[in-house]
Protein backbone atom coordinates (compact mmCIF):
# COMPACT_ATOMS: atom_id res chain seq x y z
CA UNK A 1 68.24 15.15 119.13
CA UNK A 2 65.78 13.12 117.09
CA UNK A 3 65.80 9.57 118.39
CA UNK A 4 65.73 6.35 116.34
CA UNK A 5 62.17 5.04 116.09
CA UNK A 6 60.71 1.61 115.31
CA UNK A 7 57.03 1.73 114.41
CA UNK A 8 54.28 -0.87 114.68
CA UNK A 9 50.74 -0.67 113.35
CA UNK A 10 49.09 1.48 110.71
CA UNK A 11 46.10 3.03 112.47
CA UNK A 12 44.70 4.02 115.81
CA UNK A 13 45.80 6.60 118.36
CA UNK A 14 49.58 7.05 118.71
CA UNK A 15 51.50 5.45 121.57
CA UNK A 16 55.21 5.93 122.31
CA UNK A 17 57.04 3.31 124.41
CA UNK A 18 60.44 3.86 126.06
CA UNK A 19 62.92 1.44 127.60
CA UNK A 20 64.93 1.55 130.81
CA UNK A 21 68.64 1.65 131.57
CA UNK A 22 70.77 -0.63 129.35
CA UNK A 23 67.71 -1.35 127.23
CA UNK A 24 66.52 -0.35 123.78
CA UNK A 25 63.31 -0.05 121.83
CA UNK A 26 63.62 -3.76 121.03
CA UNK A 27 62.72 -4.57 124.65
CA UNK A 28 59.20 -3.44 123.80
CA UNK A 29 58.86 -5.45 120.57
CA UNK A 30 56.36 -8.07 121.78
CA UNK A 31 54.24 -5.62 123.76
CA UNK A 32 54.31 -3.09 120.92
CA UNK A 33 53.11 -5.67 118.41
CA UNK A 34 50.22 -6.56 120.70
CA UNK A 35 49.31 -2.91 121.23
CA UNK A 36 49.53 -2.21 117.48
CA UNK A 37 46.20 -3.94 116.88
CA UNK A 38 44.57 -0.74 118.19
CA UNK A 39 47.35 1.86 118.06
CA UNK A 40 50.21 3.22 116.04
CA UNK A 41 53.10 2.35 118.34
CA UNK A 42 56.53 3.99 118.23
CA UNK A 43 59.45 2.51 120.19
CA UNK A 44 62.24 4.99 120.90
CA UNK A 45 65.94 4.34 121.55
CA UNK A 46 66.92 6.88 124.21
CA UNK A 47 70.24 8.71 123.88
CA UNK A 48 73.38 6.58 124.29
CA UNK A 49 71.27 3.41 124.02
CA UNK A 50 70.29 1.16 121.12
CA UNK A 51 70.83 2.82 117.77
CA UNK A 52 70.91 6.36 119.18
CA UNK A 53 74.01 8.51 118.70
CA UNK A 54 76.65 8.52 121.42
CA UNK A 55 76.81 11.95 123.05
CA UNK A 56 78.74 13.30 126.00
CA UNK A 57 75.91 14.13 128.38
CA UNK A 58 72.82 12.35 129.62
CA UNK A 59 70.35 14.09 131.94
CA UNK A 60 66.60 13.77 132.30
CA UNK A 61 65.95 17.31 130.98
CA UNK A 62 68.01 16.46 127.89
CA UNK A 63 66.21 13.17 127.37
CA UNK A 64 62.79 14.80 127.82
CA UNK A 65 63.76 17.35 125.18
CA UNK A 66 64.85 14.51 122.86
CA UNK A 67 61.46 12.86 123.32
CA UNK A 68 59.55 16.08 122.69
CA UNK A 69 61.57 16.77 119.55
CA UNK A 70 61.10 13.23 118.24
CA UNK A 71 57.34 13.20 118.89
CA UNK A 72 57.02 16.59 117.16
CA UNK A 73 59.06 15.37 114.18
CA UNK A 74 56.74 12.37 113.77
CA UNK A 75 53.76 14.70 113.48
CA UNK A 76 51.51 12.35 115.44
CA UNK A 77 51.11 14.03 118.85
CA UNK A 78 49.81 14.23 121.40
CA UNK A 79 50.61 10.62 122.27
CA UNK A 80 50.03 8.07 124.93
CA UNK A 81 53.50 8.06 126.50
CA UNK A 82 54.68 4.84 128.16
CA UNK A 83 58.04 4.50 129.90
CA UNK A 84 59.73 1.85 132.03
CA UNK A 85 62.22 2.66 134.81
CA UNK A 86 64.66 5.27 133.36
CA UNK A 87 62.22 5.61 130.47
CA UNK A 88 59.47 6.12 133.03
CA UNK A 89 61.32 9.02 134.63
CA UNK A 90 61.95 10.43 131.17
CA UNK A 91 58.24 10.08 130.39
CA UNK A 92 57.28 11.83 133.64
CA UNK A 93 59.54 14.79 132.96
CA UNK A 94 58.37 14.99 129.35
CA UNK A 95 54.76 15.21 130.52
CA UNK A 96 55.62 17.83 133.15
CA UNK A 97 57.74 19.93 130.79
CA UNK A 98 56.00 19.43 127.43
CA UNK A 99 52.39 18.53 128.28
CA UNK A 100 51.26 19.52 124.80
CA UNK A 101 52.78 16.34 123.31
CA UNK A 102 51.39 13.94 125.94
CA UNK A 103 47.74 12.87 125.81
CA UNK A 104 48.07 10.39 128.67
CA UNK A 105 50.95 8.94 130.65
CA UNK A 106 51.87 5.40 131.73
CA UNK A 107 54.82 4.99 134.13
CA UNK A 108 56.07 1.43 134.58
CA UNK A 109 57.80 0.64 137.90
CA UNK A 110 59.36 4.03 138.53
CA UNK A 111 58.66 7.04 140.72
CA UNK A 112 59.85 10.69 140.78
CA UNK A 113 62.24 10.00 143.66
CA UNK A 114 65.95 9.37 144.26
CA UNK A 115 67.05 5.72 144.19
CA UNK A 116 70.43 4.31 145.22
CA UNK A 117 72.66 4.06 142.10
CA UNK A 118 72.49 0.26 142.15
CA UNK A 119 73.47 -0.26 138.51
CA UNK A 120 76.95 1.21 138.94
CA UNK A 121 78.49 -2.23 139.42
CA UNK A 122 76.82 -3.46 136.23
CA UNK A 123 78.25 -0.62 134.15
CA UNK A 124 81.69 -1.08 135.70
CA UNK A 125 81.64 -4.83 135.07
CA UNK A 126 80.60 -4.36 131.45
CA UNK A 127 83.37 -1.82 130.88
CA UNK A 128 85.93 -4.05 132.57
CA UNK A 129 85.09 -7.12 130.47
CA UNK A 130 87.88 -8.20 128.15
CA UNK A 131 86.28 -8.31 124.71
CA UNK A 132 89.39 -9.35 122.82
CA UNK A 133 89.10 -12.80 121.24
CA UNK A 134 85.46 -13.10 122.30
CA UNK A 135 83.49 -15.41 120.00
CA UNK A 136 80.35 -16.13 122.01
CA UNK A 137 78.18 -14.26 124.50
CA UNK A 138 78.95 -16.98 127.00
CA UNK A 139 82.58 -15.80 127.02
CA UNK A 140 81.45 -12.43 128.37
CA UNK A 141 78.72 -13.91 130.57
CA UNK A 142 81.41 -15.72 132.56
CA UNK A 143 83.20 -12.42 133.16
CA UNK A 144 80.06 -10.75 134.55
CA UNK A 145 79.09 -13.46 137.06
CA UNK A 146 80.85 -11.94 140.06
CA UNK A 147 79.27 -8.49 139.66
CA UNK A 148 75.90 -9.64 138.26
CA UNK A 149 74.66 -12.72 140.10
CA UNK A 150 71.29 -13.08 138.37
CA UNK A 151 71.47 -15.09 135.11
CA UNK A 152 68.40 -13.22 133.85
CA UNK A 153 70.00 -9.83 134.46
CA UNK A 154 73.21 -10.95 132.75
CA UNK A 155 71.19 -12.14 129.75
CA UNK A 156 69.49 -8.74 129.61
CA UNK A 157 72.81 -6.89 129.73
CA UNK A 158 74.33 -9.18 127.09
CA UNK A 159 71.66 -8.10 124.63
CA UNK A 160 73.83 -4.98 124.36
CA UNK A 161 76.85 -6.96 123.10
CA UNK A 162 77.55 -6.75 119.37
CA UNK A 163 79.37 -9.72 117.81
CA UNK A 164 80.33 -9.41 114.16
CA UNK A 165 83.31 -9.57 111.83
CA UNK A 166 84.76 -6.49 113.51
CA UNK A 167 84.87 -8.28 116.85
CA UNK A 168 82.95 -7.78 120.09
CA UNK A 169 81.84 -4.40 121.43
CA UNK A 170 79.10 -2.85 123.54
CA UNK A 171 76.28 -0.99 121.82
CA UNK A 172 75.53 1.57 124.61
CA UNK A 173 77.83 4.46 125.45
CA UNK A 174 79.04 2.87 128.68
CA UNK A 175 81.48 5.58 129.87
CA UNK A 176 78.84 8.32 129.67
CA UNK A 177 76.12 6.11 131.15
CA UNK A 178 78.36 5.15 134.07
CA UNK A 179 79.23 8.80 134.73
CA UNK A 180 75.55 9.79 134.52
CA UNK A 181 74.23 7.02 136.79
CA UNK A 182 74.10 9.12 139.99
CA UNK A 183 71.86 11.62 138.16
CA UNK A 184 69.84 8.93 136.38
CA UNK A 185 69.16 7.23 139.71
CA UNK A 186 67.86 10.54 141.03
CA UNK A 187 65.22 13.05 140.06
CA UNK A 188 65.82 16.70 139.06
CA UNK A 189 65.51 18.86 142.17
CA UNK A 190 64.09 21.87 140.36
CA UNK A 191 61.01 20.20 138.84
CA UNK A 192 57.83 22.10 139.72
CA UNK A 193 54.23 22.13 138.56
CA UNK A 194 52.03 19.21 137.64
CA UNK A 195 50.71 17.27 134.66
CA UNK A 196 46.91 17.26 134.57
CA UNK A 197 46.40 14.50 132.00
CA UNK A 198 45.29 10.95 132.83
CA UNK A 199 48.19 9.08 134.43
CA UNK A 200 48.68 5.41 135.29
CA UNK A 201 51.45 4.04 137.48
CA UNK A 202 51.89 0.29 136.93
CA UNK A 203 54.34 -1.51 139.17
CA UNK A 204 55.42 -4.97 140.21
CA UNK A 205 54.31 -6.45 143.50
CA UNK A 206 57.78 -7.96 143.91
CA UNK A 207 59.53 -4.66 143.22
CA UNK A 208 60.22 -1.80 145.63
CA UNK A 209 60.48 0.97 143.04
CA UNK A 210 56.98 2.34 143.78
CA UNK A 211 56.52 2.30 147.54
CA UNK A 212 53.34 3.47 149.24
CA UNK A 213 55.41 6.22 150.87
CA UNK A 214 56.00 7.74 147.42
CA UNK A 215 52.33 8.24 146.63
CA UNK A 216 52.04 11.77 148.03
CA UNK A 217 54.94 12.89 145.85
CA UNK A 218 53.47 11.17 142.80
CA UNK A 219 50.02 12.65 143.39
CA UNK A 220 51.47 16.16 143.73
CA UNK A 221 52.98 15.89 140.25
CA UNK A 222 50.17 13.85 138.70
CA UNK A 223 46.82 14.68 140.36
CA UNK A 224 44.81 12.42 138.00
CA UNK A 225 46.89 9.36 138.80
CA UNK A 226 45.72 5.75 139.12
CA UNK A 227 47.84 2.97 140.63
CA UNK A 228 47.82 -0.64 139.49
CA UNK A 229 50.01 -3.39 140.90
CA UNK A 230 50.89 -6.58 139.01
CA UNK A 231 51.36 -8.87 142.03
CA UNK A 232 53.61 -11.52 140.48
CA UNK A 233 55.88 -9.10 138.60
CA UNK A 234 59.22 -7.67 139.59
CA UNK A 235 60.87 -4.59 138.10
CA UNK A 236 60.57 -5.67 134.45
CA UNK A 237 56.77 -5.75 134.60
CA UNK A 238 56.01 -5.82 130.87
CA UNK A 239 58.56 -8.58 130.23
CA UNK A 240 57.74 -10.76 133.24
CA UNK A 241 53.92 -10.60 133.13
CA UNK A 242 53.04 -9.35 129.66
CA UNK A 243 49.41 -10.51 129.61
CA UNK A 244 48.68 -8.96 133.00
CA UNK A 245 50.47 -5.77 131.98
CA UNK A 246 48.48 -5.44 128.74
CA UNK A 247 45.22 -6.21 130.52
CA UNK A 248 45.93 -3.22 132.77
CA UNK A 249 47.35 -0.77 130.21
CA UNK A 250 45.17 -1.42 127.16
CA UNK A 251 41.89 -0.04 128.60
CA UNK A 252 43.75 3.01 129.92
CA UNK A 253 45.32 3.79 126.53
CA UNK A 254 41.93 3.44 124.88
């Protein structure tokens, strides 16, 4: 499918940015505006997230095909492709499967490995929340406390809550996302080959998503890879340490 796109900037080489699980293109707004001084930046909403249509399946091959189709429809490729977490895995598979649309690749705090499906409790808690008679986000925040201890994580999840005259509802397709989480936490077992374009893995020093033990696997897929750690960042690198992130990524995209 063609994905919803928000664009920033009028000139420069094209850059596509992609969010992680339970995110949307809006998560990249501040970074995209900063990058747009030198690039045309396109923020995608991946399937079942943001403004994208709700569909019944959600696999990395499907999402990579969505990205390829959307880049092709924009007529701007090849692009600098930037993805965080789930968006990072989608970006990796897009580069491996459709290298003709990817000029260079930036993967933010993700690796082509299998992770424990740690977000299952978040999806279940969001689905279980009673949204009847909800007037404020704080009403739902209180319902998520037991399953989601971190106030920052709850605030991030609550960005997905729509409150309007029709009542309260979740923007993402939670049932499909919850069912897909075991696959989304993994990595397709049949992926072969490599992407020979310039590749940058940026990760947080306080995160364990890109361990040193993963480097051999990463280098097999991406032989021209560079690694850069942002020491004071956790998993949400570009949100937690934006200046440090841009200082690392901007020269690479240029």
